[in-house]
Amino acid sequence: ITHLPDSYDCDVVFPQIPPNMYNNVILYRHPKYD
């Protein structure tokens, strides 16, 4: 999942990620595009 820092007033959202099903780790940060 690429996470963008801003909100775009979307009318479709990604489903809630079940916390008991998935763990996460940050792969990459892009300084220019934040």
PDB file of all heavy atoms in Angstrom:
ATOM      1  N   ILE A   1       0.831  -1.197   0.000  1.00  0.00           N
ATOM      2  CA  ILE A   1       0.000   0.000   0.000  1.00  0.00           C
ATOM      3  C   ILE A   1       0.870   1.253   0.000  1.00  0.00           C
ATOM      4  O   ILE A   1       1.728   1.433   0.874  1.00  0.00           O
ATOM      5  CB  ILE A   1      -0.924   0.045   1.242  1.00  0.00           C
ATOM      6  CG1 ILE A   1      -1.672  -1.290   1.421  1.00  0.00           C
ATOM      7  CG2 ILE A   1      -1.891   1.221   1.127  1.00  0.00           C
ATOM      8  CD1 ILE A   1      -2.644  -1.611   0.332  1.00  0.00           C
ATOM      9  N   THR A   2       0.650   2.104  -0.979  1.00  0.00           N
ATOM     10  CA  THR A   2       1.247   3.434  -0.988  1.00  0.00           C
ATOM     11  C   THR A   2       0.330   4.375  -0.208  1.00  0.00           C
ATOM     12  O   THR A   2      -0.860   4.488  -0.516  1.00  0.00           O
ATOM     13  CB  THR A   2       1.422   3.946  -2.419  1.00  0.00           C
ATOM     14  OG1 THR A   2       2.282   3.065  -3.145  1.00  0.00           O
ATOM     15  CG2 THR A   2       2.034   5.344  -2.421  1.00  0.00           C
ATOM     16  N   HIS A   3       0.883   5.047   0.788  1.00  0.00           N
ATOM     17  CA  HIS A   3       0.116   5.976   1.621  1.00  0.00           C
ATOM     18  C   HIS A   3       0.493   7.415   1.259  1.00  0.00           C
ATOM     19  O   HIS A   3       1.657   7.797   1.398  1.00  0.00           O
ATOM     20  CB  HIS A   3       0.409   5.719   3.102  1.00  0.00           C
ATOM     21  CG  HIS A   3      -0.116   4.424   3.612  1.00  0.00           C
ATOM     22  ND1 HIS A   3      -1.344   4.309   4.219  1.00  0.00           N
ATOM     23  CD2 HIS A   3       0.407   3.164   3.591  1.00  0.00           C
ATOM     24  CE1 HIS A   3      -1.555   3.050   4.564  1.00  0.00           C
ATOM     25  NE2 HIS A   3      -0.501   2.334   4.189  1.00  0.00           N
ATOM     26  N   LEU A   4      -0.489   8.183   0.807  1.00  0.00           N
ATOM     27  CA  LEU A   4      -0.291   9.597   0.508  1.00  0.00           C
ATOM     28  C   LEU A   4      -0.665  10.432   1.733  1.00  0.00           C
ATOM     29  O   LEU A   4      -1.541  10.034   2.511  1.00  0.00           O
ATOM     30  CB  LEU A   4      -1.150  10.006  -0.687  1.00  0.00           C
ATOM     31  CG  LEU A   4      -0.916   9.224  -1.990  1.00  0.00           C
ATOM     32  CD1 LEU A   4      -1.864   9.720  -3.078  1.00  0.00           C
ATOM     33  CD2 LEU A   4       0.527   9.335  -2.449  1.00  0.00           C
ATOM     34  N   PRO A   5      -0.051  11.591   1.904  1.00  0.00           N
ATOM     35  CA  PRO A   5      -0.260  12.358   3.141  1.00  0.00           C
ATOM     36  C   PRO A   5      -1.538  13.188   3.167  1.00  0.00           C
ATOM     37  O   PRO A   5      -1.964  13.622   4.234  1.00  0.00           O
ATOM     38  CB  PRO A   5       0.969  13.262   3.187  1.00  0.00           C
ATOM     39  CG  PRO A   5       1.336  13.456   1.749  1.00  0.00           C
ATOM     40  CD  PRO A   5       1.014  12.154   1.070  1.00  0.00           C
ATOM     41  N   ASP A   6      -2.151  13.439   2.010  1.00  0.00           N
ATOM     42  CA  ASP A   6      -3.299  14.344   1.943  1.00  0.00           C
ATOM     43  C   ASP A   6      -4.604  13.580   1.748  1.00  0.00           C
ATOM     44  O   ASP A   6      -4.605  12.419   1.325  1.00  0.00           O
ATOM     45  CB  ASP A   6      -3.113  15.338   0.795  1.00  0.00           C
ATOM     46  CG  ASP A   6      -1.875  16.193   0.967  1.00  0.00           C
ATOM     47  OD1 ASP A   6      -1.616  16.617   2.117  1.00  0.00           O
ATOM     48  OD2 ASP A   6      -1.164  16.411  -0.028  1.00  0.00           O
ATOM     49  N   SER A   7      -5.711  14.265   2.018  1.00  0.00           N
ATOM     50  CA  SER A   7      -7.044  13.720   1.770  1.00  0.00           C
ATOM     51  C   SER A   7      -7.603  14.312   0.482  1.00  0.00           C
ATOM     52  O   SER A   7      -7.424  15.517   0.216  1.00  0.00           O
ATOM     53  CB  SER A   7      -7.976  14.041   2.937  1.00  0.00           C
ATOM     54  OG  SER A   7      -9.309  13.662   2.628  1.00  0.00           O
ATOM     55  N   TYR A   8      -8.283  13.486  -0.312  1.00  0.00           N
ATOM     56  CA  TYR A   8      -8.823  13.923  -1.596  1.00  0.00           C
ATOM     57  C   TYR A   8     -10.348  13.801  -1.654  1.00  0.00           C
ATOM     58  O   TYR A   8     -10.919  13.772  -2.731  1.00  0.00           O
ATOM     59  CB  TYR A   8      -8.172  13.121  -2.730  1.00  0.00           C
ATOM     60  CG  TYR A   8      -6.712  13.445  -2.924  1.00  0.00           C
ATOM     61  CD1 TYR A   8      -5.734  12.825  -2.146  1.00  0.00           C
ATOM     62  CD2 TYR A   8      -6.297  14.382  -3.865  1.00  0.00           C
ATOM     63  CE1 TYR A   8      -4.389  13.124  -2.313  1.00  0.00           C
ATOM     64  CE2 TYR A   8      -4.953  14.677  -4.041  1.00  0.00           C
ATOM     65  CZ  TYR A   8      -4.003  14.044  -3.267  1.00  0.00           C
ATOM     66  OH  TYR A   8      -2.666  14.341  -3.436  1.00  0.00           O
ATOM     67  N   ASP A   9     -10.993  13.722  -0.502  1.00  0.00           N
ATOM     68  CA  ASP A   9     -12.450  13.689  -0.445  1.00  0.00           C
ATOM     69  C   ASP A   9     -13.003  12.564  -1.323  1.00  0.00           C
ATOM     70  O   ASP A   9     -13.932  12.761  -2.117  1.00  0.00           O
ATOM     71  CB  ASP A   9     -13.026  15.042  -0.863  1.00  0.00           C
ATOM     72  CG  ASP A   9     -14.508  15.173  -0.544  1.00  0.00           C
ATOM     73  OD1 ASP A   9     -14.964  14.499   0.412  1.00  0.00           O
ATOM     74  OD2 ASP A   9     -15.206  15.932  -1.245  1.00  0.00           O
ATOM     75  N   CYS A  10     -12.444  11.382  -1.169  1.00  0.00           N
ATOM     76  CA  CYS A  10     -12.809  10.253  -2.030  1.00  0.00           C
ATOM     77  C   CYS A  10     -14.190   9.702  -1.677  1.00  0.00           C
ATOM     78  O   CYS A  10     -14.637   9.775  -0.530  1.00  0.00           O
ATOM     79  CB  CYS A  10     -11.770   9.136  -1.887  1.00  0.00           C
ATOM     80  SG  CYS A  10     -10.151   9.565  -2.568  1.00  0.00           S
ATOM     81  N   ASP A  11     -14.862   9.143  -2.685  1.00  0.00           N
ATOM     82  CA  ASP A  11     -16.139   8.476  -2.443  1.00  0.00           C
ATOM     83  C   ASP A  11     -16.015   6.964  -2.448  1.00  0.00           C
ATOM     84  O   ASP A  11     -17.001   6.252  -2.260  1.00  0.00           O
ATOM     85  CB  ASP A  11     -17.205   8.927  -3.446  1.00  0.00           C
ATOM     86  CG  ASP A  11     -16.762   8.800  -4.898  1.00  0.00           C
ATOM     87  OD1 ASP A  11     -15.886   7.957  -5.190  1.00  0.00           O
ATOM     88  OD2 ASP A  11     -17.293   9.547  -5.748  1.00  0.00           O
ATOM     89  N   VAL A  12     -14.816   6.455  -2.691  1.00  0.00           N
ATOM     90  CA  VAL A  12     -14.526   5.026  -2.583  1.00  0.00           C
ATOM     91  C   VAL A  12     -13.305   4.871  -1.698  1.00  0.00           C
ATOM     92  O   VAL A  12     -12.316   5.585  -1.874  1.00  0.00           O
ATOM     93  CB  VAL A  12     -14.258   4.371  -3.956  1.00  0.00           C
ATOM     94  CG1 VAL A  12     -13.999   2.867  -3.791  1.00  0.00           C
ATOM     95  CG2 VAL A  12     -15.422   4.593  -4.906  1.00  0.00           C
ATOM     96  N   VAL A  13     -13.368   3.976  -0.732  1.00  0.00           N
ATOM     97  CA  VAL A  13     -12.266   3.802   0.206  1.00  0.00           C
ATOM     98  C   VAL A  13     -11.774   2.362   0.196  1.00  0.00           C
ATOM     99  O   VAL A  13     -12.523   1.435  -0.129  1.00  0.00           O
ATOM    100  CB  VAL A  13     -12.662   4.209   1.647  1.00  0.00           C
ATOM    101  CG1 VAL A  13     -13.029   5.680   1.697  1.00  0.00           C
ATOM    102  CG2 VAL A  13     -13.792   3.341   2.173  1.00  0.00           C
ATOM    103  N   PHE A  14     -10.507   2.224   0.552  1.00  0.00           N
ATOM    104  CA  PHE A  14      -9.925   0.891   0.717  1.00  0.00           C
ATOM    105  C   PHE A  14     -10.536   0.261   1.961  1.00  0.00           C
ATOM    106  O   PHE A  14     -10.776   0.938   2.960  1.00  0.00           O
ATOM    107  CB  PHE A  14      -8.414   1.011   0.863  1.00  0.00           C
ATOM    108  CG  PHE A  14      -7.667  -0.273   0.739  1.00  0.00           C
ATOM    109  CD1 PHE A  14      -7.374  -0.790  -0.504  1.00  0.00           C
ATOM    110  CD2 PHE A  14      -7.258  -0.975   1.870  1.00  0.00           C
ATOM    111  CE1 PHE A  14      -6.677  -1.994  -0.628  1.00  0.00           C
ATOM    112  CE2 PHE A  14      -6.571  -2.165   1.764  1.00  0.00           C
ATOM    113  CZ  PHE A  14      -6.281  -2.679   0.502  1.00  0.00           C
ATOM    114  N   PRO A  15     -10.807  -1.047   1.926  1.00  0.00           N
ATOM    115  CA  PRO A  15     -11.424  -1.683   3.101  1.00  0.00           C
ATOM    116  C   PRO A  15     -10.518  -1.648   4.323  1.00  0.00           C
ATOM    117  O   PRO A  15      -9.288  -1.565   4.208  1.00  0.00           O
ATOM    118  CB  PRO A  15     -11.668  -3.127   2.639  1.00  0.00           C
ATOM    119  CG  PRO A  15     -10.713  -3.337   1.514  1.00  0.00           C
ATOM    120  CD  PRO A  15     -10.587  -2.007   0.833  1.00  0.00           C
ATOM    121  N   GLN A  16     -11.129  -1.705   5.471  1.00  0.00           N
ATOM    122  CA  GLN A  16     -10.359  -1.736   6.709  1.00  0.00           C
ATOM    123  C   GLN A  16      -9.464  -2.977   6.725  1.00  0.00           C
ATOM    124  O   GLN A  16      -9.900  -4.080   6.403  1.00  0.00           O
ATOM    125  CB  GLN A  16     -11.288  -1.759   7.922  1.00  0.00           C
ATOM    126  CG  GLN A  16     -10.566  -1.742   9.253  1.00  0.00           C
ATOM    127  CD  GLN A  16     -11.518  -1.673  10.430  1.00  0.00           C
ATOM    128  OE1 GLN A  16     -12.730  -1.627  10.258  1.00  0.00           O
ATOM    129  NE2 GLN A  16     -10.976  -1.652  11.635  1.00  0.00           N
ATOM    130  N   ILE A  17      -8.211  -2.763   7.091  1.00  0.00           N
ATOM    131  CA  ILE A  17      -7.258  -3.877   7.143  1.00  0.00           C
ATOM    132  C   ILE A  17      -7.418  -4.580   8.479  1.00  0.00           C
ATOM    133  O   ILE A  17      -7.206  -3.970   9.537  1.00  0.00           O
ATOM    134  CB  ILE A  17      -5.819  -3.370   6.965  1.00  0.00           C
ATOM    135  CG1 ILE A  17      -5.679  -2.668   5.610  1.00  0.00           C
ATOM    136  CG2 ILE A  17      -4.825  -4.519   7.085  1.00  0.00           C
ATOM    137  CD1 ILE A  17      -4.345  -1.970   5.418  1.00  0.00           C
ATOM    138  N   PRO A  18      -7.803  -5.856   8.484  1.00  0.00           N
ATOM    139  CA  PRO A  18      -8.016  -6.559   9.759  1.00  0.00           C
ATOM    140  C   PRO A  18      -6.718  -6.623  10.577  1.00  0.00           C
ATOM    141  O   PRO A  18      -5.740  -7.233  10.134  1.00  0.00           O
ATOM    142  CB  PRO A  18      -8.459  -7.960   9.324  1.00  0.00           C
ATOM    143  CG  PRO A  18      -8.947  -7.793   7.918  1.00  0.00           C
ATOM    144  CD  PRO A  18      -8.115  -6.704   7.323  1.00  0.00           C
ATOM    145  N   PRO A  19      -6.672  -6.004  11.748  1.00  0.00           N
ATOM    146  CA  PRO A  19      -5.419  -5.949  12.513  1.00  0.00           C
ATOM    147  C   PRO A  19      -4.949  -7.307  13.008  1.00  0.00           C
ATOM    148  O   PRO A  19      -3.755  -7.514  13.229  1.00  0.00           O
ATOM    149  CB  PRO A  19      -5.763  -5.021  13.682  1.00  0.00           C
ATOM    150  CG  PRO A  19      -7.247  -5.109  13.817  1.00  0.00           C
ATOM    151  CD  PRO A  19      -7.785  -5.315  12.431  1.00  0.00           C
ATOM    152  N   ASN A  20      -5.874  -8.234  13.171  1.00  0.00           N
ATOM    153  CA  ASN A  20      -5.486  -9.572  13.624  1.00  0.00           C
ATOM    154  C   ASN A  20      -5.048 -10.461  12.469  1.00  0.00           C
ATOM    155  O   ASN A  20      -4.655 -11.604  12.680  1.00  0.00           O
ATOM    156  CB  ASN A  20      -6.640 -10.234  14.371  1.00  0.00           C
ATOM    157  CG  ASN A  20      -7.878 -10.394  13.493  1.00  0.00           C
ATOM    158  OD1 ASN A  20      -8.045  -9.655  12.515  1.00  0.00           O
ATOM    159  ND2 ASN A  20      -8.738 -11.337  13.832  1.00  0.00           N
ATOM    160  N   MET A  21      -5.108  -9.923  11.246  1.00  0.00           N
ATOM    161  CA  MET A  21      -4.801 -10.737  10.071  1.00  0.00           C
ATOM    162  C   MET A  21      -3.498 -10.314   9.400  1.00  0.00           C
ATOM    163  O   MET A  21      -2.794 -11.133   8.810  1.00  0.00           O
ATOM    164  CB  MET A  21      -5.960 -10.634   9.065  1.00  0.00           C
ATOM    165  CG  MET A  21      -5.916 -11.628   7.931  1.00  0.00           C
ATOM    166  SD  MET A  21      -7.401 -11.496   6.869  1.00  0.00           S
ATOM    167  CE  MET A  21      -8.677 -12.088   7.983  1.00  0.00           C
ATOM    168  N   TYR A  22      -3.152  -9.025   9.513  1.00  0.00           N
ATOM    169  CA  TYR A  22      -1.979  -8.508   8.821  1.00  0.00           C
ATOM    170  C   TYR A  22      -1.103  -7.697   9.773  1.00  0.00           C
ATOM    171  O   TYR A  22      -1.604  -6.945  10.611  1.00  0.00           O
ATOM    172  CB  TYR A  22      -2.386  -7.601   7.656  1.00  0.00           C
ATOM    173  CG  TYR A  22      -3.089  -8.326   6.526  1.00  0.00           C
ATOM    174  CD1 TYR A  22      -4.485  -8.377   6.474  1.00  0.00           C
ATOM    175  CD2 TYR A  22      -2.371  -8.950   5.514  1.00  0.00           C
ATOM    176  CE1 TYR A  22      -5.133  -9.033   5.451  1.00  0.00           C
ATOM    177  CE2 TYR A  22      -3.017  -9.611   4.484  1.00  0.00           C
ATOM    178  CZ  TYR A  22      -4.396  -9.652   4.461  1.00  0.00           C
ATOM    179  OH  TYR A  22      -5.038 -10.304   3.435  1.00  0.00           O
ATOM    180  N   ASN A  23       0.214  -7.856   9.622  1.00  0.00           N
ATOM    181  CA  ASN A  23       1.193  -6.999  10.259  1.00  0.00           C
ATOM    182  C   ASN A  23       1.803  -6.098   9.186  1.00  0.00           C
ATOM    183  O   ASN A  23       1.739  -6.416   7.997  1.00  0.00           O
ATOM    184  CB  ASN A  23       2.301  -7.821  10.924  1.00  0.00           C
ATOM    185  CG  ASN A  23       1.754  -8.715  12.022  1.00  0.00           C
ATOM    186  OD1 ASN A  23       0.954  -8.291  12.842  1.00  0.00           O
ATOM    187  ND2 ASN A  23       2.187  -9.972  12.024  1.00  0.00           N
ATOM    188  N   ASN A  24       2.400  -4.982   9.575  1.00  0.00           N
ATOM    189  CA  ASN A  24       2.953  -4.108   8.539  1.00  0.00           C
ATOM    190  C   ASN A  24       4.343  -3.613   8.912  1.00  0.00           C
ATOM    191  O   ASN A  24       4.717  -3.552  10.082  1.00  0.00           O
ATOM    192  CB  ASN A  24       2.026  -2.920   8.270  1.00  0.00           C
ATOM    193  CG  ASN A  24       2.099  -1.853   9.340  1.00  0.00           C
ATOM    194  OD1 ASN A  24       2.992  -1.012   9.314  1.00  0.00           O
ATOM    195  ND2 ASN A  24       1.169  -1.880  10.285  1.00  0.00           N
ATOM    196  N   VAL A  25       5.082  -3.269   7.870  1.00  0.00           N
ATOM    197  CA  VAL A  25       6.408  -2.694   8.028  1.00  0.00           C
ATOM    198  C   VAL A  25       6.579  -1.682   6.907  1.00  0.00           C
ATOM    199  O   VAL A  25       6.098  -1.886   5.791  1.00  0.00           O
ATOM    200  CB  VAL A  25       7.502  -3.781   7.960  1.00  0.00           C
ATOM    201  CG1 VAL A  25       7.455  -4.526   6.634  1.00  0.00           C
ATOM    202  CG2 VAL A  25       8.888  -3.182   8.175  1.00  0.00           C
ATOM    203  N   ILE A  26       7.231  -0.540   7.192  1.00  0.00           N
ATOM    204  CA  ILE A  26       7.457   0.476   6.168  1.00  0.00           C
ATOM    205  C   ILE A  26       8.585   0.014   5.248  1.00  0.00           C
ATOM    206  O   ILE A  26       9.690  -0.293   5.698  1.00  0.00           O
ATOM    207  CB  ILE A  26       7.798   1.832   6.802  1.00  0.00           C
ATOM    208  CG1 ILE A  26       6.607   2.354   7.611  1.00  0.00           C
ATOM    209  CG2 ILE A  26       8.197   2.854   5.718  1.00  0.00           C
ATOM    210  CD1 ILE A  26       6.898   3.634   8.376  1.00  0.00           C
ATOM    211  N   LEU A  27       8.298  -0.047   3.957  1.00  0.00           N
ATOM    212  CA  LEU A  27       9.304  -0.444   2.983  1.00  0.00           C
ATOM    213  C   LEU A  27      10.127   0.742   2.501  1.00  0.00           C
ATOM    214  O   LEU A  27      11.326   0.628   2.262  1.00  0.00           O
ATOM    215  CB  LEU A  27       8.622  -1.086   1.762  1.00  0.00           C
ATOM    216  CG  LEU A  27       7.978  -2.450   1.925  1.00  0.00           C
ATOM    217  CD1 LEU A  27       7.407  -2.893   0.589  1.00  0.00           C
ATOM    218  CD2 LEU A  27       8.985  -3.477   2.420  1.00  0.00           C
ATOM    219  N   TYR A  28       9.464   1.902   2.345  1.00  0.00           N
ATOM    220  CA  TYR A  28      10.102   2.978   1.600  1.00  0.00           C
ATOM    221  C   TYR A  28       9.426   4.310   1.922  1.00  0.00           C
ATOM    222  O   TYR A  28       8.205   4.379   2.041  1.00  0.00           O
ATOM    223  CB  TYR A  28       9.963   2.660   0.104  1.00  0.00           C
ATOM    224  CG  TYR A  28      10.449   3.729  -0.844  1.00  0.00           C
ATOM    225  CD1 TYR A  28      11.796   4.017  -0.974  1.00  0.00           C
ATOM    226  CD2 TYR A  28       9.533   4.425  -1.633  1.00  0.00           C
ATOM    227  CE1 TYR A  28      12.227   4.992  -1.856  1.00  0.00           C
ATOM    228  CE2 TYR A  28       9.970   5.389  -2.526  1.00  0.00           C
ATOM    229  CZ  TYR A  28      11.315   5.673  -2.625  1.00  0.00           C
ATOM    230  OH  TYR A  28      11.741   6.633  -3.503  1.00  0.00           O
ATOM    231  N   ARG A  29      10.227   5.350   2.068  1.00  0.00           N
ATOM    232  CA  ARG A  29       9.722   6.715   2.205  1.00  0.00           C
ATOM    233  C   ARG A  29      10.328   7.554   1.085  1.00  0.00           C
ATOM    234  O   ARG A  29      11.536   7.462   0.830  1.00  0.00           O
ATOM    235  CB  ARG A  29      10.125   7.330   3.545  1.00  0.00           C
ATOM    236  CG  ARG A  29       9.526   6.684   4.766  1.00  0.00           C
ATOM    237  CD  ARG A  29      10.069   7.373   6.020  1.00  0.00           C
ATOM    238  NE  ARG A  29       9.684   6.699   7.244  1.00  0.00           N
ATOM    239  CZ  ARG A  29       8.626   7.025   7.986  1.00  0.00           C
ATOM    240  NH1 ARG A  29       7.837   8.021   7.580  1.00  0.00           N
ATOM    241  NH2 ARG A  29       8.348   6.383   9.083  1.00  0.00           N
ATOM    242  N   HIS A  30       9.517   8.364   0.426  1.00  0.00           N
ATOM    243  CA  HIS A  30      10.024   9.235  -0.637  1.00  0.00           C
ATOM    244  C   HIS A  30      10.013  10.674  -0.140  1.00  0.00           C
ATOM    245  O   HIS A  30       8.945  11.228   0.127  1.00  0.00           O
ATOM    246  CB  HIS A  30       9.166   9.108  -1.893  1.00  0.00           C
ATOM    247  CG  HIS A  30       9.823   9.686  -3.110  1.00  0.00           C
ATOM    248  ND1 HIS A  30       9.997  11.046  -3.293  1.00  0.00           N
ATOM    249  CD2 HIS A  30      10.369   9.087  -4.192  1.00  0.00           C
ATOM    250  CE1 HIS A  30      10.611  11.259  -4.439  1.00  0.00           C
ATOM    251  NE2 HIS A  30      10.847  10.099  -5.009  1.00  0.00           N
ATOM    252  N   PRO A  31      11.172  11.299   0.009  1.00  0.00           N
ATOM    253  CA  PRO A  31      11.217  12.644   0.598  1.00  0.00           C
ATOM    254  C   PRO A  31      10.564  13.713  -0.263  1.00  0.00           C
ATOM    255  O   PRO A  31       9.932  14.634   0.248  1.00  0.00           O
ATOM    256  CB  PRO A  31      12.718  12.902   0.755  1.00  0.00           C
ATOM    257  CG  PRO A  31      13.378  11.988  -0.229  1.00  0.00           C
ATOM    258  CD  PRO A  31      12.510  10.770  -0.309  1.00  0.00           C
ATOM    259  N   LYS A  32      10.672  13.598  -1.581  1.00  0.00           N
ATOM    260  CA  LYS A  32      10.121  14.630  -2.463  1.00  0.00           C
ATOM    261  C   LYS A  32       8.604  14.587  -2.498  1.00  0.00           C
ATOM    262  O   LYS A  32       7.924  15.612  -2.389  1.00  0.00           O
ATOM    263  CB  LYS A  32      10.688  14.472  -3.874  1.00  0.00           C
ATOM    264  CG  LYS A  32      10.141  15.511  -4.862  1.00  0.00           C
ATOM    265  CD  LYS A  32      10.750  15.342  -6.240  1.00  0.00           C
ATOM    266  CE  LYS A  32      10.165  16.351  -7.225  1.00  0.00           C
ATOM    267  NZ  LYS A  32      10.737  16.189  -8.585  1.00  0.00           N
ATOM    268  N   TYR A  33       8.043  13.388  -2.655  1.00  0.00           N
ATOM    269  CA  TYR A  33       6.598  13.257  -2.808  1.00  0.00           C
ATOM    270  C   TYR A  33       5.883  12.963  -1.491  1.00  0.00           C
ATOM    271  O   TYR A  33       4.665  12.815  -1.455  1.00  0.00           O
ATOM    272  CB  TYR A  33       6.277  12.175  -3.845  1.00  0.00           C
ATOM    273  CG  TYR A  33       6.724  12.547  -5.229  1.00  0.00           C
ATOM    274  CD1 TYR A  33       7.851  11.961  -5.789  1.00  0.00           C
ATOM    275  CD2 TYR A  33       6.039  13.500  -5.973  1.00  0.00           C
ATOM    276  CE1 TYR A  33       8.279  12.304  -7.066  1.00  0.00           C
ATOM    277  CE2 TYR A  33       6.454  13.849  -7.244  1.00  0.00           C
ATOM    278  CZ  TYR A  33       7.567  13.249  -7.792  1.00  0.00           C
ATOM    279  OH  TYR A  33       7.988  13.597  -9.049  1.00  0.00           O
ATOM    280  N   ASP A  34       6.638  12.854  -0.409  1.00  0.00           N
ATOM    281  CA  ASP A  34       6.065  12.689   0.925  1.00  0.00           C
ATOM    282  C   ASP A  34       5.076  11.524   0.964  1.00  0.00           C
ATOM    283  O   ASP A  34       3.927  11.664   1.388  1.00  0.00           O
ATOM    284  CB  ASP A  34       5.384  13.985   1.369  1.00  0.00           C
ATOM    285  CG  ASP A  34       5.063  13.960   2.865  1.00  0.00           C
ATOM    286  OD1 ASP A  34       5.709  13.182   3.584  1.00  0.00           O
ATOM    287  OD2 ASP A  34       4.162  14.702   3.294  1.00  0.00           O
TER     288      ASP A  34
END
